[in-house]
PDB file of N, CA and C in Angstrom:
ATOM      1  N   MET A   1      19.211  -2.012  33.946  1.00  0.00           N
ATOM      2  CA  MET A   1      18.711  -2.553  32.710  1.00  0.00           C
ATOM      3  C   MET A   1      18.801  -3.999  32.733  1.00  0.00           C
ATOM      4  N   SER A   2      17.802  -4.797  32.395  1.00  0.00           N
ATOM      5  CA  SER A   2      17.908  -6.186  32.633  1.00  0.00           C
ATOM      6  C   SER A   2      18.451  -6.800  31.420  1.00  0.00           C
ATOM      7  N   SER A   3      18.990  -8.258  31.708  1.00  0.00           N
ATOM      8  CA  SER A   3      19.786  -8.750  30.721  1.00  0.00           C
ATOM      9  C   SER A   3      18.826  -9.528  29.710  1.00  0.00           C
ATOM     10  N   TYR A   4      17.565  -9.426  29.845  1.00  0.00           N
ATOM     11  CA  TYR A   4      16.619 -10.055  28.984  1.00  0.00           C
ATOM     12  C   TYR A   4      16.163  -9.072  27.862  1.00  0.00           C
ATOM     13  N   ASP A   5      16.540  -7.950  27.899  1.00  0.00           N
ATOM     14  CA  ASP A   5      16.178  -6.943  26.854  1.00  0.00           C
ATOM     15  C   ASP A   5      16.575  -7.371  25.486  1.00  0.00           C
ATOM     16  N   ASN A   6      17.564  -8.010  25.309  1.00  0.00           N
ATOM     17  CA  ASN A   6      17.983  -8.596  24.098  1.00  0.00           C
ATOM     18  C   ASN A   6      18.012  -9.894  23.866  1.00  0.00           C
ATOM     19  N   GLU A   7      16.911 -10.431  24.278  1.00  0.00           N
ATOM     20  CA  GLU A   7      16.850 -11.961  24.175  1.00  0.00           C
ATOM     21  C   GLU A   7      16.485 -12.480  22.935  1.00  0.00           C
ATOM     22  N   ALA A   8      15.924 -11.758  21.992  1.00  0.00           N
ATOM     23  CA  ALA A   8      15.513 -12.238  20.762  1.00  0.00           C
ATOM     24  C   ALA A   8      16.677 -12.292  19.758  1.00  0.00           C
ATOM     25  N   PRO A   9      16.796 -13.271  19.235  1.00  0.00           N
ATOM     26  CA  PRO A   9      18.165 -13.460  18.289  1.00  0.00           C
ATOM     27  C   PRO A   9      17.937 -12.481  17.128  1.00  0.00           C
ATOM     28  N   SER A  10      19.163 -12.199  16.403  1.00  0.00           N
ATOM     29  CA  SER A  10      19.237 -11.129  15.311  1.00  0.00           C
ATOM     30  C   SER A  10      19.868 -11.989  14.235  1.00  0.00           C
ATOM     31  N   GLY A  11      19.715 -11.552  13.172  1.00  0.00           N
ATOM     32  CA  GLY A  11      20.480 -12.011  11.848  1.00  0.00           C
ATOM     33  C   GLY A  11      19.506 -12.602  10.959  1.00  0.00           C
ATOM     34  N   ASN A  12      20.222 -13.662  10.134  1.00  0.00           N
ATOM     35  CA  ASN A  12      19.392 -14.362   9.247  1.00  0.00           C
ATOM     36  C   ASN A  12      18.752 -15.484   9.752  1.00  0.00           C
ATOM     37  N   ILE A  13      17.364 -15.490   9.574  1.00  0.00           N
ATOM     38  CA  ILE A  13      16.517 -16.482  10.322  1.00  0.00           C
ATOM     39  C   ILE A  13      16.388 -17.684   9.268  1.00  0.00           C
ATOM     40  N   ALA A  14      16.760 -17.525   8.085  1.00  0.00           N
ATOM     41  CA  ALA A  14      16.526 -18.606   7.144  1.00  0.00           C
ATOM     42  C   ALA A  14      17.712 -19.534   7.216  1.00  0.00           C
ATOM     43  N   ASP A  15      17.589 -20.821   7.462  1.00  0.00           N
ATOM     44  CA  ASP A  15      18.526 -21.932   7.857  1.00  0.00           C
ATOM     45  C   ASP A  15      18.171 -23.054   6.819  1.00  0.00           C
ATOM     46  N   ASN A  16      18.743 -23.085   5.778  1.00  0.00           N
ATOM     47  CA  ASN A  16      18.397 -24.030   4.612  1.00  0.00           C
ATOM     48  C   ASN A  16      19.609 -25.143   4.666  1.00  0.00           C
ATOM     49  N   SER A  17      20.284 -25.327   5.879  1.00  0.00           N
ATOM     50  CA  SER A  17      21.151 -26.361   6.099  1.00  0.00           C
ATOM     51  C   SER A  17      20.416 -27.870   6.145  1.00  0.00           C
ATOM     52  N   TYR A  18      19.365 -27.897   6.253  1.00  0.00           N
ATOM     53  CA  TYR A  18      18.323 -29.105   6.223  1.00  0.00           C
ATOM     54  C   TYR A  18      17.844 -29.559   5.087  1.00  0.00           C
ATOM     55  N   VAL A  19      17.802 -28.720   3.992  1.00  0.00           N
ATOM     56  CA  VAL A  19      17.390 -28.869   2.737  1.00  0.00           C
ATOM     57  C   VAL A  19      17.914 -30.187   2.016  1.00  0.00           C
ATOM     58  N   SER A  20      17.043 -30.923   1.353  1.00  0.00           N
ATOM     59  CA  SER A  20      17.544 -32.053   0.726  1.00  0.00           C
ATOM     60  C   SER A  20      18.589 -31.692  -0.309  1.00  0.00           C
ATOM     61  N   ARG A  21      19.465 -32.573  -0.292  1.00  0.00           N
ATOM     62  CA  ARG A  21      20.629 -32.319  -1.426  1.00  0.00           C
ATOM     63  C   ARG A  21      20.210 -32.301  -2.927  1.00  0.00           C
ATOM     64  N   PRO A  22      20.888 -31.579  -3.781  1.00  0.00           N
ATOM     65  CA  PRO A  22      20.554 -31.552  -5.092  1.00  0.00           C
ATOM     66  C   PRO A  22      20.497 -33.077  -5.787  1.00  0.00           C
ATOM     67  N   GLY A  23      19.682 -33.536  -6.428  1.00  0.00           N
ATOM     68  CA  GLY A  23      19.599 -34.885  -6.595  1.00  0.00           C
ATOM     69  C   GLY A  23      18.798 -35.808  -5.882  1.00  0.00           C
ATOM     70  N   HIS A  24      18.411 -35.482  -4.593  1.00  0.00           N
ATOM     71  CA  HIS A  24      17.742 -36.220  -3.653  1.00  0.00           C
ATOM     72  C   HIS A  24      16.428 -35.650  -3.296  1.00  0.00           C
ATOM     73  N   LYS A  25      16.069 -34.668  -3.984  1.00  0.00           N
ATOM     74  CA  LYS A  25      14.853 -34.248  -3.791  1.00  0.00           C
ATOM     75  C   LYS A  25      13.627 -35.030  -4.077  1.00  0.00           C
ATOM     76  N   ASN A  26      13.953 -36.106  -4.937  1.00  0.00           N
ATOM     77  CA  ASN A  26      12.913 -36.867  -5.533  1.00  0.00           C
ATOM     78  C   ASN A  26      12.653 -38.030  -4.635  1.00  0.00           C
ATOM     79  N   GLU A  27      13.178 -37.905  -3.576  1.00  0.00           N
ATOM     80  CA  GLU A  27      12.957 -39.107  -2.432  1.00  0.00           C
ATOM     81  C   GLU A  27      11.750 -38.845  -2.074  1.00  0.00           C
ATOM     82  N   LYS A  28      11.418 -39.849  -1.026  1.00  0.00           N
ATOM     83  CA  LYS A  28      10.000 -39.986  -0.500  1.00  0.00           C
ATOM     84  C   LYS A  28       9.514 -38.713   0.157  1.00  0.00           C
ATOM     85  N   ILE A  29      10.379 -38.161   0.945  1.00  0.00           N
ATOM     86  CA  ILE A  29       9.906 -36.725   1.648  1.00  0.00           C
ATOM     87  C   ILE A  29      10.885 -35.797   1.148  1.00  0.00           C
ATOM     88  N   PRO A  30      11.011 -35.043   0.277  1.00  0.00           N
ATOM     89  CA  PRO A  30      11.838 -34.013   0.042  1.00  0.00           C
ATOM     90  C   PRO A  30      11.789 -32.802   1.034  1.00  0.00           C
ATOM     91  N   VAL A  31      12.638 -32.086   1.444  1.00  0.00           N
ATOM     92  CA  VAL A  31      12.709 -30.997   2.371  1.00  0.00           C
ATOM     93  C   VAL A  31      12.683 -29.839   1.473  1.00  0.00           C
ATOM     94  N   GLN A  32      11.918 -28.851   1.542  1.00  0.00           N
ATOM     95  CA  GLN A  32      11.937 -27.503   0.878  1.00  0.00           C
ATOM     96  C   GLN A  32      12.641 -26.632   1.738  1.00  0.00           C
ATOM     97  N   SER A  33      13.184 -25.515   0.969  1.00  0.00           N
ATOM     98  CA  SER A  33      14.104 -24.510   1.688  1.00  0.00           C
ATOM     99  C   SER A  33      13.099 -23.230   2.144  1.00  0.00           C
ATOM    100  N   ASP A  34      13.312 -22.607   3.114  1.00  0.00           N
ATOM    101  CA  ASP A  34      12.528 -21.349   3.506  1.00  0.00           C
ATOM    102  C   ASP A  34      12.225 -20.521   2.552  1.00  0.00           C
ATOM    103  N   GLY A  35      12.851 -20.562   1.512  1.00  0.00           N
ATOM    104  CA  GLY A  35      12.531 -19.508   0.474  1.00  0.00           C
ATOM    105  C   GLY A  35      11.588 -20.187  -0.688  1.00  0.00           C
ATOM    106  N   ASP A  36      11.476 -21.430  -0.790  1.00  0.00           N
ATOM    107  CA  ASP A  36      10.425 -22.077  -1.790  1.00  0.00           C
ATOM    108  C   ASP A  36       9.036 -21.481  -1.444  1.00  0.00           C
ATOM    109  N   LEU A  37       8.371 -21.380  -2.655  1.00  0.00           N
ATOM    110  CA  LEU A  37       6.919 -21.049  -2.466  1.00  0.00           C
ATOM    111  C   LEU A  37       6.151 -22.546  -2.434  1.00  0.00           C
ATOM    112  N   ALA A  38       5.178 -22.485  -1.415  1.00  0.00           N
ATOM    113  CA  ALA A  38       4.401 -23.547  -1.279  1.00  0.00           C
ATOM    114  C   ALA A  38       3.016 -23.456  -1.725  1.00  0.00           C
ATOM    115  N   GLU A  39       2.415 -24.672  -2.494  1.00  0.00           N
ATOM    116  CA  GLU A  39       1.199 -24.337  -2.940  1.00  0.00           C
ATOM    117  C   GLU A  39       0.139 -24.606  -1.860  1.00  0.00           C
ATOM    118  N   ASP A  40      -0.843 -23.694  -1.807  1.00  0.00           N
ATOM    119  CA  ASP A  40      -1.935 -23.750  -0.783  1.00  0.00           C
ATOM    120  C   ASP A  40      -3.173 -24.194  -1.737  1.00  0.00           C
ATOM    121  N   PRO A  41      -3.714 -25.431  -1.272  1.00  0.00           N
ATOM    122  CA  PRO A  41      -4.855 -25.843  -2.171  1.00  0.00           C
ATOM    123  C   PRO A  41      -6.161 -24.952  -1.348  1.00  0.00           C
ATOM    124  N   ILE A  42      -6.157 -24.338  -0.281  1.00  0.00           N
ATOM    125  CA  ILE A  42      -7.370 -23.648  -0.104  1.00  0.00           C
ATOM    126  C   ILE A  42      -7.421 -22.310  -0.846  1.00  0.00           C
ATOM    127  N   ASP A  43      -8.719 -21.964  -1.361  1.00  0.00           N
ATOM    128  CA  ASP A  43      -8.913 -20.346  -1.970  1.00  0.00           C
ATOM    129  C   ASP A  43      -9.093 -19.542  -0.900  1.00  0.00           C
ATOM    130  N   GLU A  44      -8.283 -18.703  -0.839  1.00  0.00           N
ATOM    131  CA  GLU A  44      -8.318 -17.474   0.060  1.00  0.00           C
ATOM    132  C   GLU A  44      -9.846 -16.976   0.199  1.00  0.00           C
ATOM    133  N   ARG A  45     -10.308 -16.677  -0.921  1.00  0.00           N
ATOM    134  CA  ARG A  45     -11.804 -16.058  -1.167  1.00  0.00           C
ATOM    135  C   ARG A  45     -12.825 -16.558  -0.440  1.00  0.00           C
ATOM    136  N   LYS A  46     -12.760 -17.874  -0.429  1.00  0.00           N
ATOM    137  CA  LYS A  46     -13.993 -18.765   0.133  1.00  0.00           C
ATOM    138  C   LYS A  46     -13.529 -19.205   1.273  1.00  0.00           C
ATOM    139  N   ALA A  47     -12.301 -19.433   1.761  1.00  0.00           N
ATOM    140  CA  ALA A  47     -11.968 -20.192   3.005  1.00  0.00           C
ATOM    141  C   ALA A  47     -12.806 -19.718   4.287  1.00  0.00           C
ATOM    142  N   ASP A  48     -12.911 -18.394   4.226  1.00  0.00           N
ATOM    143  CA  ASP A  48     -13.626 -17.916   5.537  1.00  0.00           C
ATOM    144  C   ASP A  48     -14.943 -17.378   5.260  1.00  0.00           C
ATOM    145  N   SER A  49     -15.470 -18.133   4.407  1.00  0.00           N
ATOM    146  CA  SER A  49     -17.010 -17.556   4.099  1.00  0.00           C
ATOM    147  C   SER A  49     -18.063 -18.451   4.828  1.00  0.00           C
ATOM    148  N   ASP A  50     -19.207 -17.663   5.006  1.00  0.00           N
ATOM    149  CA  ASP A  50     -20.371 -18.321   5.600  1.00  0.00           C
ATOM    150  C   ASP A  50     -20.790 -19.867   4.777  1.00  0.00           C
ATOM    151  N   GLU A  51     -20.630 -19.731   3.611  1.00  0.00           N
ATOM    152  CA  GLU A  51     -20.886 -20.932   2.749  1.00  0.00           C
ATOM    153  C   GLU A  51     -19.974 -22.184   3.145  1.00  0.00           C
ATOM    154  N   GLN A  52     -18.949 -21.815   3.411  1.00  0.00           N
ATOM    155  CA  GLN A  52     -17.688 -22.663   3.442  1.00  0.00           C
ATOM    156  C   GLN A  52     -17.986 -23.500   4.941  1.00  0.00           C
ATOM    157  N   LEU A  53     -18.306 -22.348   5.995  1.00  0.00           N
ATOM    158  CA  LEU A  53     -18.532 -22.916   7.307  1.00  0.00           C
ATOM    159  C   LEU A  53     -19.904 -23.829   7.360  1.00  0.00           C
ATOM    160  N   ASP A  54     -20.801 -23.470   6.681  1.00  0.00           N
ATOM    161  CA  ASP A  54     -22.141 -24.264   6.596  1.00  0.00           C
ATOM    162  C   ASP A  54     -21.792 -25.780   5.983  1.00  0.00           C
ATOM    163  N   ARG A  55     -20.950 -25.741   4.676  1.00  0.00           N
ATOM    164  CA  ARG A  55     -20.624 -26.819   4.081  1.00  0.00           C
ATOM    165  C   ARG A  55     -20.012 -27.761   5.280  1.00  0.00           C
ATOM    166  N   ASP A  56     -18.785 -27.108   6.053  1.00  0.00           N
ATOM    167  CA  ASP A  56     -18.052 -27.802   7.102  1.00  0.00           C
ATOM    168  C   ASP A  56     -18.820 -28.543   8.075  1.00  0.00           C
ATOM    169  N   ASP A  57     -20.092 -27.552   8.411  1.00  0.00           N
ATOM    170  CA  ASP A  57     -21.012 -28.304   9.342  1.00  0.00           C
ATOM    171  C   ASP A  57     -21.781 -29.337   9.005  1.00  0.00           C
ATOM    172  N   ARG A  58     -22.117 -29.364   7.720  1.00  0.00           N
ATOM    173  CA  ARG A  58     -22.847 -30.420   7.122  1.00  0.00           C
ATOM    174  C   ARG A  58     -22.190 -31.660   6.960  1.00  0.00           C
ATOM    175  N   GLU A  59     -20.867 -31.454   6.559  1.00  0.00           N
ATOM    176  CA  GLU A  59     -20.002 -32.762   6.444  1.00  0.00           C
ATOM    177  C   GLU A  59     -19.587 -33.321   7.734  1.00  0.00           C
ATOM    178  N   ALA A  60     -19.627 -32.218   8.816  1.00  0.00           N
ATOM    179  CA  ALA A  60     -19.332 -32.871  10.194  1.00  0.00           C
ATOM    180  C   ALA A  60     -20.283 -33.415  11.005  1.00  0.00           C
ATOM    181  N   ILE A  61     -21.709 -33.173  10.820  1.00  0.00           N
ATOM    182  CA  ILE A  61     -22.527 -33.587  11.754  1.00  0.00           C
ATOM    183  C   ILE A  61     -23.179 -35.012  10.941  1.00  0.00           C
ATOM    184  N   ASP A  62     -23.233 -36.045  11.860  1.00  0.00           N
ATOM    185  CA  ASP A  62     -23.942 -37.308  11.445  1.00  0.00           C
ATOM    186  C   ASP A  62     -25.411 -37.124  11.823  1.00  0.00           C
ATOM    187  N   LYS A  63     -26.266 -36.878  10.861  1.00  0.00           N
ATOM    188  CA  LYS A  63     -27.629 -36.656  10.912  1.00  0.00           C
ATOM    189  C   LYS A  63     -28.206 -38.092  11.410  1.00  0.00           C
ATOM    190  N   SER A  64     -27.859 -39.295  11.216  1.00  0.00           N
ATOM    191  CA  SER A  64     -28.395 -40.356  11.631  1.00  0.00           C
ATOM    192  C   SER A  64     -28.325 -40.604  13.217  1.00  0.00           C
ATOM    193  N   ASN A  65     -27.442 -39.864  13.877  1.00  0.00           N
ATOM    194  CA  ASN A  65     -27.073 -39.861  15.307  1.00  0.00           C
ATOM    195  C   ASN A  65     -27.861 -38.913  16.155  1.00  0.00           C
ATOM    196  N   ILE A  66     -28.580 -38.190  15.246  1.00  0.00           N
ATOM    197  CA  ILE A  66     -29.414 -37.154  16.091  1.00  0.00           C
ATOM    198  C   ILE A  66     -30.711 -37.562  16.457  1.00  0.00           C
ATOM    199  N   ILE A  67     -31.470 -37.642  17.866  1.00  0.00           N
ATOM    200  CA  ILE A  67     -32.692 -37.975  17.999  1.00  0.00           C
ATOM    201  C   ILE A  67     -33.413 -36.680  18.220  1.00  0.00           C
ATOM    202  N   GLY A  68     -34.836 -37.051  18.000  1.00  0.00           N
ATOM    203  CA  GLY A  68     -35.644 -35.775  17.722  1.00  0.00           C
ATOM    204  C   GLY A  68     -36.428 -35.494  19.192  1.00  0.00           C
ATOM    205  N   GLN A  69     -36.495 -36.406  19.991  1.00  0.00           N
ATOM    206  CA  GLN A  69     -37.116 -36.161  21.314  1.00  0.00           C
ATOM    207  C   GLN A  69     -35.942 -36.041  22.280  1.00  0.00           C
ATOM    208  N   ARG A  70     -36.226 -35.485  23.368  1.00  0.00           N
ATOM    209  CA  ARG A  70     -35.013 -35.396  24.620  1.00  0.00           C
ATOM    210  C   ARG A  70     -34.836 -36.501  25.146  1.00  0.00           C
ATOM    211  N   THR A  71     -36.108 -37.389  25.545  1.00  0.00           N
ATOM    212  CA  THR A  71     -35.991 -38.467  26.614  1.00  0.00           C
ATOM    213  C   THR A  71     -36.188 -40.052  25.753  1.00  0.00           C
ATOM    214  N   ARG A  72     -36.461 -39.636  24.456  1.00  0.00           N
ATOM    215  CA  ARG A  72     -36.727 -41.072  23.672  1.00  0.00           C
ATOM    216  C   ARG A  72     -38.240 -41.678  24.499  1.00  0.00           C
ATOM    217  N   HIS A  73     -38.872 -40.941  24.805  1.00  0.00           N
ATOM    218  CA  HIS A  73     -40.371 -41.193  25.393  1.00  0.00           C
ATOM    219  C   HIS A  73     -40.321 -42.252  26.720  1.00  0.00           C
ATOM    220  N   ALA A  74     -38.994 -42.032  27.350  1.00  0.00           N
ATOM    221  CA  ALA A  74     -38.946 -42.759  28.740  1.00  0.00           C
ATOM    222  C   ALA A  74     -39.536 -42.068  29.741  1.00  0.00           C
ATOM    223  N   LYS A  75     -40.186 -42.753  30.412  1.00  0.00           N
ATOM    224  CA  LYS A  75     -41.003 -42.387  31.610  1.00  0.00           C
ATOM    225  C   LYS A  75     -40.727 -43.202  32.843  1.00  0.00           C
ATOM    226  N   PRO A  76     -40.672 -42.680  34.156  1.00  0.00           N
ATOM    227  CA  PRO A  76     -40.641 -43.356  35.263  1.00  0.00           C
ATOM    228  C   PRO A  76     -41.496 -44.357  35.560  1.00  0.00           C
ATOM    229  N   SER A  77     -41.250 -45.361  36.120  1.00  0.00           N
ATOM    230  CA  SER A  77     -42.278 -46.349  36.555  1.00  0.00           C
ATOM    231  C   SER A  77     -43.117 -45.815  37.658  1.00  0.00           C
ATOM    232  N   ALA A  78     -44.241 -46.041  37.731  1.00  0.00           N
ATOM    233  CA  ALA A  78     -45.155 -45.392  39.042  1.00  0.00           C
ATOM    234  C   ALA A  78     -44.543 -46.007  40.253  1.00  0.00           C
ATOM    235  N   GLY A  79     -44.448 -45.182  41.240  1.00  0.00           N
ATOM    236  CA  GLY A  79     -44.172 -45.614  42.525  1.00  0.00           C
ATOM    237  C   GLY A  79     -42.628 -45.594  42.761  1.00  0.00           C
ATOM    238  N   THR A  80     -41.537 -45.621  41.840  1.00  0.00           N
ATOM    239  CA  THR A  80     -40.219 -46.090  41.863  1.00  0.00           C
ATOM    240  C   THR A  80     -39.429 -44.936  42.454  1.00  0.00           C
ATOM    241  N   TYR A  81     -40.014 -43.473  42.096  1.00  0.00           N
ATOM    242  CA  TYR A  81     -39.376 -42.304  42.649  1.00  0.00           C
ATOM    243  C   TYR A  81     -39.984 -41.503  43.522  1.00  0.00           C
ATOM    244  N   SER A  82     -38.986 -41.078  44.651  1.00  0.00           N
ATOM    245  CA  SER A  82     -39.591 -40.289  45.627  1.00  0.00           C
ATOM    246  C   SER A  82     -38.570 -39.349  45.940  1.00  0.00           C
ATOM    247  N   GLN A  83     -39.030 -38.060  46.404  1.00  0.00           N
ATOM    248  CA  GLN A  83     -38.141 -37.102  46.787  1.00  0.00           C
ATOM    249  C   GLN A  83     -37.352 -37.346  47.940  1.00  0.00           C
ATOM    250  N   PRO A  84     -36.142 -37.332  48.210  1.00  0.00           N
ATOM    251  CA  PRO A  84     -35.038 -37.381  49.244  1.00  0.00           C
ATOM    252  C   PRO A  84     -35.650 -36.447  50.344  1.00  0.00           C
ATOM    253  N   GLY A  85     -35.482 -36.911  51.512  1.00  0.00           N
ATOM    254  CA  GLY A  85     -35.570 -36.080  52.701  1.00  0.00           C
ATOM    255  C   GLY A  85     -34.717 -35.128  52.993  1.00  0.00           C
ATOM    256  N   ASP A  86     -34.946 -34.083  54.041  1.00  0.00           N
ATOM    257  CA  ASP A  86     -34.012 -33.165  54.157  1.00  0.00           C
ATOM    258  C   ASP A  86     -32.593 -33.693  54.772  1.00  0.00           C
ATOM    259  N   GLU A  87     -32.666 -34.519  55.630  1.00  0.00           N
ATOM    260  CA  GLU A  87     -31.570 -35.242  56.308  1.00  0.00           C
ATOM    261  C   GLU A  87     -30.908 -36.400  55.516  1.00  0.00           C
ATOM    262  N   GLU A  88     -31.488 -36.782  54.492  1.00  0.00           N
ATOM    263  CA  GLU A  88     -30.943 -38.129  53.976  1.00  0.00           C
ATOM    264  C   GLU A  88     -29.588 -38.034  53.293  1.00  0.00           C
ATOM    265  N   GLY A  89     -28.722 -38.780  53.470  1.00  0.00           N
ATOM    266  CA  GLY A  89     -27.469 -38.586  52.902  1.00  0.00           C
ATOM    267  C   GLY A  89     -26.569 -37.910  53.895  1.00  0.00           C
ATOM    268  N   LEU A  90     -26.896 -37.137  54.791  1.00  0.00           N
ATOM    269  CA  LEU A  90     -26.008 -36.602  55.655  1.00  0.00           C
ATOM    270  C   LEU A  90     -25.592 -37.317  56.826  1.00  0.00           C
ATOM    271  N   PRO A  91     -24.171 -36.918  57.262  1.00  0.00           N
ATOM    272  CA  PRO A  91     -23.823 -37.701  58.357  1.00  0.00           C
ATOM    273  C   PRO A  91     -24.652 -37.327  59.705  1.00  0.00           C
ATOM    274  N   ALA A  92     -24.392 -38.398  60.627  1.00  0.00           N
ATOM    275  CA  ALA A  92     -25.268 -38.156  61.836  1.00  0.00           C
ATOM    276  C   ALA A  92     -24.656 -37.011  62.632  1.00  0.00           C
ATOM    277  N   ASP A  93     -25.355 -36.318  63.373  1.00  0.00           N
ATOM    278  CA  ASP A  93     -24.990 -35.379  64.325  1.00  0.00           C
ATOM    279  C   ASP A  93     -24.586 -35.841  65.493  1.00  0.00           C
ATOM    280  N   ASP A  94     -23.128 -36.223  65.711  1.00  0.00           N
ATOM    281  CA  ASP A  94     -22.762 -36.872  67.007  1.00  0.00           C
ATOM    282  C   ASP A  94     -21.758 -35.984  67.592  1.00  0.00           C
ATOM    283  N   GLY A  95     -21.668 -34.598  67.062  1.00  0.00           N
ATOM    284  CA  GLY A  95     -20.942 -33.545  67.677  1.00  0.00           C
ATOM    285  C   GLY A  95     -19.581 -33.547  67.378  1.00  0.00           C
ATOM    286  N   THR A  96     -19.113 -34.245  66.527  1.00  0.00           N
ATOM    287  CA  THR A  96     -17.884 -34.346  65.930  1.00  0.00           C
ATOM    288  C   THR A  96     -17.765 -33.767  64.641  1.00  0.00           C
ATOM    289  N   SER A  97     -16.602 -33.284  64.187  1.00  0.00           N
ATOM    290  CA  SER A  97     -16.590 -32.773  62.835  1.00  0.00           C
ATOM    291  C   SER A  97     -15.733 -33.796  61.804  1.00  0.00           C
ATOM    292  N   SER A  98     -16.126 -33.809  60.747  1.00  0.00           N
ATOM    293  CA  SER A  98     -15.412 -34.675  59.590  1.00  0.00           C
ATOM    294  C   SER A  98     -13.863 -34.555  59.605  1.00  0.00           C
ATOM    295  N   ALA A  99     -13.316 -33.423  60.093  1.00  0.00           N
ATOM    296  CA  ALA A  99     -12.061 -33.823  60.006  1.00  0.00           C
ATOM    297  C   ALA A  99     -11.439 -34.069  61.434  1.00  0.00           C
ATOM    298  N   ASP A 100     -12.270 -34.292  62.415  1.00  0.00           N
ATOM    299  CA  ASP A 100     -11.500 -34.799  63.521  1.00  0.00           C
ATOM    300  C   ASP A 100     -10.893 -36.190  63.305  1.00  0.00           C
ATOM    301  N   VAL A 101      -9.691 -36.294  63.895  1.00  0.00           N
ATOM    302  CA  VAL A 101      -8.867 -37.571  63.797  1.00  0.00           C
ATOM    303  C   VAL A 101      -8.777 -38.161  65.022  1.00  0.00           C
ATOM    304  N   LYS A 102      -9.027 -39.377  65.210  1.00  0.00           N
ATOM    305  CA  LYS A 102      -9.052 -40.113  66.544  1.00  0.00           C
ATOM    306  C   LYS A 102      -7.973 -41.068  66.408  1.00  0.00           C
ATOM    307  N   THR A 103      -6.989 -41.272  67.031  1.00  0.00           N
ATOM    308  CA  THR A 103      -5.635 -42.104  67.006  1.00  0.00           C
ATOM    309  C   THR A 103      -6.150 -43.061  68.145  1.00  0.00           C
ATOM    310  N   VAL A 104      -5.537 -44.139  67.735  1.00  0.00           N
ATOM    311  CA  VAL A 104      -5.654 -45.381  68.514  1.00  0.00           C
ATOM    312  C   VAL A 104      -4.203 -45.593  69.159  1.00  0.00           C
ATOM    313  N   GLY A 105      -4.020 -45.657  70.449  1.00  0.00           N
ATOM    314  CA  GLY A 105      -2.786 -45.892  70.932  1.00  0.00           C
ATOM    315  C   GLY A 105      -2.447 -45.886  72.200  1.00  0.00           C
TER     316      GLY A 105
END
């Protein structure tokens, strides 16, 4: 039997030792206990709706940055582009491999 079988801790998982002391909860950043209820500003009924997703998309996309055409009407100048040859850019065939290492010495 492995010693990792009981790896998860057991017992009380609520640790309120870090909660702000009484009288100090009005400081800049009060710390709530694990048992306190927190207000959720999101309406659960609308949060996962298609309307909410559409609204998020509309807010996130900057329509002024979208162009209507793919190339903005750019065309290559006549005679400035030619297809590369079959051997262009390949190393010369001198009988050696690119992995050949030559030492001087």
